[in-house]
Amino acid sequence: MKKTILTMGLIASIFLSGCGYKEGESTATQKSYLYFTGNTHDTTISVDNGKQFSVQVGKNNQYSIKPGKHLVEVYRNNALIIKRKIFISDSIAKEIEVQ
């Protein structure tokens, strides 16, 4: 009888010791980046049909974006010159060349 109670207590303590214990690592917020090269003079950019904004050219001028699928549209003098669907992975910088 003592052996059974001891065995049951041991099994219960092993089972219950795992409950509520969380192990793992936290990761930083997922971010990716777009940058533009070429002739960005008089251009505005729209991502996912959002508000248009102007950009600076070059890899040192990166714009933060969530990883995933996006629609990038480039306008010059209010005329659409580039419409591109892209997929961008986490922590990646994607170049969009404007001609």
N, C-alpha and C. Protein backbone atom coordinates (compact mmCIF):
# COMPACT_ATOMS: atom_id res chain seq x y z
N MET A 1 0.82 -1.19 0.00
CA MET A 1 0.00 0.00 0.00
C MET A 1 0.87 1.25 0.00
N LYS A 2 1.92 1.24 0.86
CA LYS A 2 2.83 2.39 0.91
C LYS A 2 3.53 2.57 -0.43
N LYS A 3 3.89 1.44 -1.05
CA LYS A 3 4.57 1.50 -2.32
C LYS A 3 3.68 2.11 -3.40
N THR A 4 2.40 1.75 -3.39
CA THR A 4 1.45 2.28 -4.37
C THR A 4 1.26 3.78 -4.18
N ILE A 5 1.10 4.22 -2.93
CA ILE A 5 0.92 5.65 -2.64
C ILE A 5 2.18 6.42 -3.03
N LEU A 6 3.34 5.87 -2.73
CA LEU A 6 4.60 6.51 -3.09
C LEU A 6 4.76 6.61 -4.61
N THR A 7 4.42 5.55 -5.31
CA THR A 7 4.50 5.54 -6.77
C THR A 7 3.53 6.56 -7.38
N MET A 8 2.30 6.60 -6.85
CA MET A 8 1.29 7.55 -7.34
C MET A 8 1.74 8.99 -7.07
N GLY A 9 2.31 9.22 -5.90
CA GLY A 9 2.80 10.56 -5.56
C GLY A 9 3.94 10.98 -6.46
N LEU A 10 4.84 10.05 -6.77
CA LEU A 10 5.97 10.34 -7.66
C LEU A 10 5.48 10.66 -9.07
N ILE A 11 4.55 9.88 -9.57
CA ILE A 11 3.99 10.11 -10.91
C ILE A 11 3.26 11.46 -10.94
N ALA A 12 2.48 11.75 -9.93
CA ALA A 12 1.75 13.03 -9.88
C ALA A 12 2.71 14.21 -9.83
N SER A 13 3.78 14.09 -9.05
CA SER A 13 4.72 15.21 -8.96
C SER A 13 5.46 15.42 -10.28
N ILE A 14 5.79 14.36 -10.98
CA ILE A 14 6.43 14.50 -12.29
C ILE A 14 5.46 15.12 -13.28
N PHE A 15 4.22 14.67 -13.27
CA PHE A 15 3.21 15.19 -14.19
C PHE A 15 2.92 16.67 -13.91
N LEU A 16 2.75 17.02 -12.66
CA LEU A 16 2.39 18.39 -12.30
C LEU A 16 3.55 19.36 -12.40
N SER A 17 4.77 18.87 -12.34
CA SER A 17 5.91 19.78 -12.42
C SER A 17 6.04 20.41 -13.80
N GLY A 18 5.51 19.76 -14.82
CA GLY A 18 5.57 20.31 -16.16
C GLY A 18 4.48 21.32 -16.45
N CYS A 19 3.43 21.35 -15.66
CA CYS A 19 2.31 22.26 -15.89
C CYS A 19 2.70 23.69 -15.52
N GLY A 20 2.44 24.60 -16.41
CA GLY A 20 2.69 26.01 -16.13
C GLY A 20 4.12 26.44 -16.36
N TYR A 21 4.99 25.54 -16.69
CA TYR A 21 6.38 25.90 -16.94
C TYR A 21 6.54 26.23 -18.41
N LYS A 22 6.99 27.43 -18.67
CA LYS A 22 7.17 27.85 -20.06
C LYS A 22 8.64 28.06 -20.34
N GLU A 23 9.07 27.46 -21.41
CA GLU A 23 10.45 27.62 -21.83
C GLU A 23 10.45 28.06 -23.27
N GLY A 24 11.36 28.90 -23.62
CA GLY A 24 11.45 29.35 -25.00
C GLY A 24 12.22 30.64 -25.06
N GLU A 25 12.18 31.22 -26.22
CA GLU A 25 12.88 32.48 -26.40
C GLU A 25 11.93 33.46 -27.06
N SER A 26 12.09 34.70 -26.71
CA SER A 26 11.27 35.72 -27.34
C SER A 26 12.06 36.31 -28.51
N THR A 27 11.35 36.69 -29.53
CA THR A 27 12.00 37.26 -30.70
C THR A 27 11.56 38.70 -30.89
N ALA A 28 12.36 39.42 -31.59
CA ALA A 28 12.04 40.82 -31.86
C ALA A 28 10.89 40.90 -32.86
N THR A 29 10.28 42.06 -32.93
CA THR A 29 9.21 42.29 -33.88
C THR A 29 9.72 42.06 -35.30
N GLN A 30 8.92 41.39 -36.09
CA GLN A 30 9.34 41.10 -37.46
C GLN A 30 9.28 42.37 -38.29
N LYS A 31 10.38 42.69 -38.94
CA LYS A 31 10.46 43.85 -39.82
C LYS A 31 11.28 43.50 -41.04
N SER A 32 10.90 44.10 -42.13
CA SER A 32 11.66 44.04 -43.37
C SER A 32 11.75 45.46 -43.89
N TYR A 33 12.45 45.63 -45.00
CA TYR A 33 12.70 46.99 -45.47
C TYR A 33 12.62 47.07 -46.99
N LEU A 34 12.18 48.22 -47.46
CA LEU A 34 12.21 48.56 -48.88
C LEU A 34 13.18 49.71 -49.07
N TYR A 35 13.90 49.68 -50.18
CA TYR A 35 14.69 50.85 -50.55
C TYR A 35 14.59 51.02 -52.06
N PHE A 36 14.79 52.24 -52.50
CA PHE A 36 14.54 52.60 -53.88
C PHE A 36 15.82 53.10 -54.54
N THR A 37 16.02 52.68 -55.79
CA THR A 37 17.17 53.13 -56.56
C THR A 37 16.67 53.68 -57.89
N GLY A 38 17.53 54.38 -58.58
CA GLY A 38 17.17 54.94 -59.88
C GLY A 38 16.70 56.37 -59.74
N ASN A 39 15.79 56.77 -60.61
CA ASN A 39 15.30 58.14 -60.67
C ASN A 39 14.02 58.27 -59.84
N THR A 40 14.15 58.76 -58.62
CA THR A 40 12.97 58.95 -57.76
C THR A 40 12.53 60.41 -57.74
N HIS A 41 13.07 61.22 -58.62
CA HIS A 41 12.69 62.64 -58.69
C HIS A 41 11.22 62.76 -59.10
N ASP A 42 10.45 63.54 -58.36
CA ASP A 42 9.02 63.75 -58.62
C ASP A 42 8.20 62.47 -58.53
N THR A 43 8.62 61.51 -57.69
CA THR A 43 7.85 60.28 -57.55
C THR A 43 7.28 60.18 -56.13
N THR A 44 6.17 59.47 -56.05
CA THR A 44 5.60 59.10 -54.75
C THR A 44 5.35 57.60 -54.78
N ILE A 45 5.32 57.02 -53.59
CA ILE A 45 5.19 55.58 -53.43
C ILE A 45 3.93 55.29 -52.63
N SER A 46 3.25 54.21 -52.99
CA SER A 46 2.11 53.73 -52.22
C SER A 46 2.33 52.24 -51.97
N VAL A 47 2.15 51.81 -50.73
CA VAL A 47 2.28 50.39 -50.39
C VAL A 47 0.91 49.91 -49.92
N ASP A 48 0.41 48.86 -50.56
CA ASP A 48 -0.89 48.26 -50.23
C ASP A 48 -2.02 49.29 -50.28
N ASN A 49 -2.01 50.13 -51.31
CA ASN A 49 -3.03 51.15 -51.53
C ASN A 49 -3.12 52.16 -50.39
N GLY A 50 -2.03 52.33 -49.68
CA GLY A 50 -1.99 53.31 -48.59
C GLY A 50 -1.68 54.71 -49.09
N LYS A 51 -1.49 55.60 -48.15
CA LYS A 51 -1.18 57.00 -48.47
C LYS A 51 0.15 57.08 -49.22
N GLN A 52 0.19 57.93 -50.23
CA GLN A 52 1.41 58.10 -51.01
C GLN A 52 2.43 58.92 -50.21
N PHE A 53 3.71 58.56 -50.38
CA PHE A 53 4.79 59.28 -49.71
C PHE A 53 5.99 59.35 -50.64
N SER A 54 6.82 60.35 -50.45
CA SER A 54 8.03 60.47 -51.27
C SER A 54 9.17 59.75 -50.57
N VAL A 55 10.17 59.37 -51.34
CA VAL A 55 11.30 58.60 -50.79
C VAL A 55 12.62 59.22 -51.22
N GLN A 56 13.64 58.87 -50.46
CA GLN A 56 15.02 59.22 -50.80
C GLN A 56 15.63 58.00 -51.47
N VAL A 57 16.49 58.22 -52.45
CA VAL A 57 17.11 57.14 -53.19
C VAL A 57 18.30 56.58 -52.41
N GLY A 58 18.54 55.29 -52.56
CA GLY A 58 19.73 54.65 -52.00
C GLY A 58 19.45 53.63 -50.93
N LYS A 59 20.42 52.72 -50.78
CA LYS A 59 20.29 51.63 -49.80
C LYS A 59 20.33 52.14 -48.36
N ASN A 60 20.89 53.32 -48.14
CA ASN A 60 20.95 53.88 -46.79
C ASN A 60 19.62 54.47 -46.36
N ASN A 61 18.66 54.60 -47.26
CA ASN A 61 17.33 55.14 -46.96
C ASN A 61 16.31 54.02 -47.06
N GLN A 62 16.22 53.21 -46.00
CA GLN A 62 15.33 52.06 -46.01
C GLN A 62 14.04 52.39 -45.26
N TYR A 63 12.94 51.84 -45.77
CA TYR A 63 11.62 52.08 -45.21
C TYR A 63 11.09 50.77 -44.65
N SER A 64 10.69 50.80 -43.39
CA SER A 64 10.24 49.60 -42.68
C SER A 64 8.89 49.12 -43.22
N ILE A 65 8.77 47.79 -43.32
CA ILE A 65 7.56 47.16 -43.81
C ILE A 65 7.43 45.80 -43.13
N LYS A 66 6.22 45.34 -42.92
CA LYS A 66 6.02 44.02 -42.33
C LYS A 66 6.34 42.95 -43.37
N PRO A 67 6.92 41.83 -42.94
CA PRO A 67 7.16 40.74 -43.88
C PRO A 67 5.84 40.23 -44.46
N GLY A 68 5.89 39.76 -45.70
CA GLY A 68 4.70 39.20 -46.34
C GLY A 68 4.51 39.73 -47.74
N LYS A 69 3.29 39.57 -48.24
CA LYS A 69 2.95 40.01 -49.60
C LYS A 69 2.51 41.47 -49.54
N HIS A 70 2.97 42.25 -50.53
CA HIS A 70 2.62 43.67 -50.60
C HIS A 70 2.48 44.10 -52.05
N LEU A 71 1.68 45.14 -52.24
CA LEU A 71 1.55 45.78 -53.54
C LEU A 71 2.26 47.12 -53.45
N VAL A 72 3.28 47.31 -54.29
CA VAL A 72 4.05 48.56 -54.32
C VAL A 72 3.73 49.27 -55.63
N GLU A 73 3.30 50.52 -55.51
CA GLU A 73 2.99 51.33 -56.68
C GLU A 73 3.84 52.60 -56.63
N VAL A 74 4.42 52.94 -57.77
CA VAL A 74 5.26 54.13 -57.88
C VAL A 74 4.59 55.07 -58.89
N TYR A 75 4.42 56.32 -58.48
CA TYR A 75 3.77 57.33 -59.32
C TYR A 75 4.77 58.44 -59.63
N ARG A 76 4.74 58.93 -60.85
CA ARG A 76 5.51 60.11 -61.23
C ARG A 76 4.53 61.09 -61.86
N ASN A 77 4.47 62.28 -61.26
CA ASN A 77 3.51 63.30 -61.72
C ASN A 77 2.10 62.74 -61.78
N ASN A 78 1.71 62.00 -60.75
CA ASN A 78 0.38 61.39 -60.58
C ASN A 78 0.06 60.30 -61.61
N ALA A 79 1.04 59.85 -62.38
CA ALA A 79 0.83 58.75 -63.32
C ALA A 79 1.53 57.50 -62.78
N LEU A 80 0.82 56.37 -62.79
CA LEU A 80 1.37 55.11 -62.32
C LEU A 80 2.46 54.63 -63.27
N ILE A 81 3.70 54.47 -62.76
CA ILE A 81 4.78 54.00 -63.62
C ILE A 81 5.25 52.59 -63.23
N ILE A 82 5.02 52.19 -61.99
CA ILE A 82 5.39 50.83 -61.56
C ILE A 82 4.27 50.31 -60.67
N LYS A 83 3.84 49.09 -60.94
CA LYS A 83 2.89 48.39 -60.09
C LYS A 83 3.43 46.98 -59.93
N ARG A 84 3.88 46.66 -58.73
CA ARG A 84 4.57 45.39 -58.51
C ARG A 84 4.07 44.72 -57.24
N LYS A 85 3.72 43.42 -57.36
CA LYS A 85 3.41 42.62 -56.18
C LYS A 85 4.70 41.97 -55.74
N ILE A 86 5.01 42.10 -54.46
CA ILE A 86 6.26 41.53 -53.94
C ILE A 86 5.96 40.67 -52.72
N PHE A 87 6.86 39.76 -52.46
CA PHE A 87 6.87 39.01 -51.21
C PHE A 87 8.21 39.29 -50.57
N ILE A 88 8.18 39.69 -49.32
CA ILE A 88 9.42 40.02 -48.63
C ILE A 88 9.48 39.24 -47.32
N SER A 89 10.61 38.57 -47.10
CA SER A 89 10.80 37.77 -45.90
C SER A 89 11.26 38.63 -44.73
N ASP A 90 11.24 38.05 -43.54
CA ASP A 90 11.66 38.76 -42.33
C ASP A 90 13.13 39.15 -42.40
N SER A 91 13.43 40.38 -42.00
CA SER A 91 14.79 40.92 -41.92
C SER A 91 15.48 41.06 -43.27
N ILE A 92 14.71 41.22 -44.33
CA ILE A 92 15.25 41.36 -45.67
C ILE A 92 15.04 42.79 -46.16
N ALA A 93 16.01 43.32 -46.89
CA ALA A 93 15.88 44.62 -47.53
C ALA A 93 15.67 44.38 -49.02
N LYS A 94 14.57 44.86 -49.57
CA LYS A 94 14.20 44.62 -50.97
C LYS A 94 14.37 45.91 -51.76
N GLU A 95 15.06 45.82 -52.89
CA GLU A 95 15.29 46.97 -53.75
C GLU A 95 14.16 47.09 -54.77
N ILE A 96 13.67 48.32 -54.94
CA ILE A 96 12.74 48.64 -56.01
C ILE A 96 13.43 49.65 -56.89
N GLU A 97 13.69 49.27 -58.15
CA GLU A 97 14.38 50.19 -59.08
C GLU A 97 13.35 51.01 -59.84
N VAL A 98 13.53 52.32 -59.80
CA VAL A 98 12.64 53.25 -60.49
C VAL A 98 13.39 53.80 -61.70
N GLN A 99 12.79 53.70 -62.87
CA GLN A 99 13.45 54.20 -64.09
C GLN A 99 12.81 55.47 -64.56
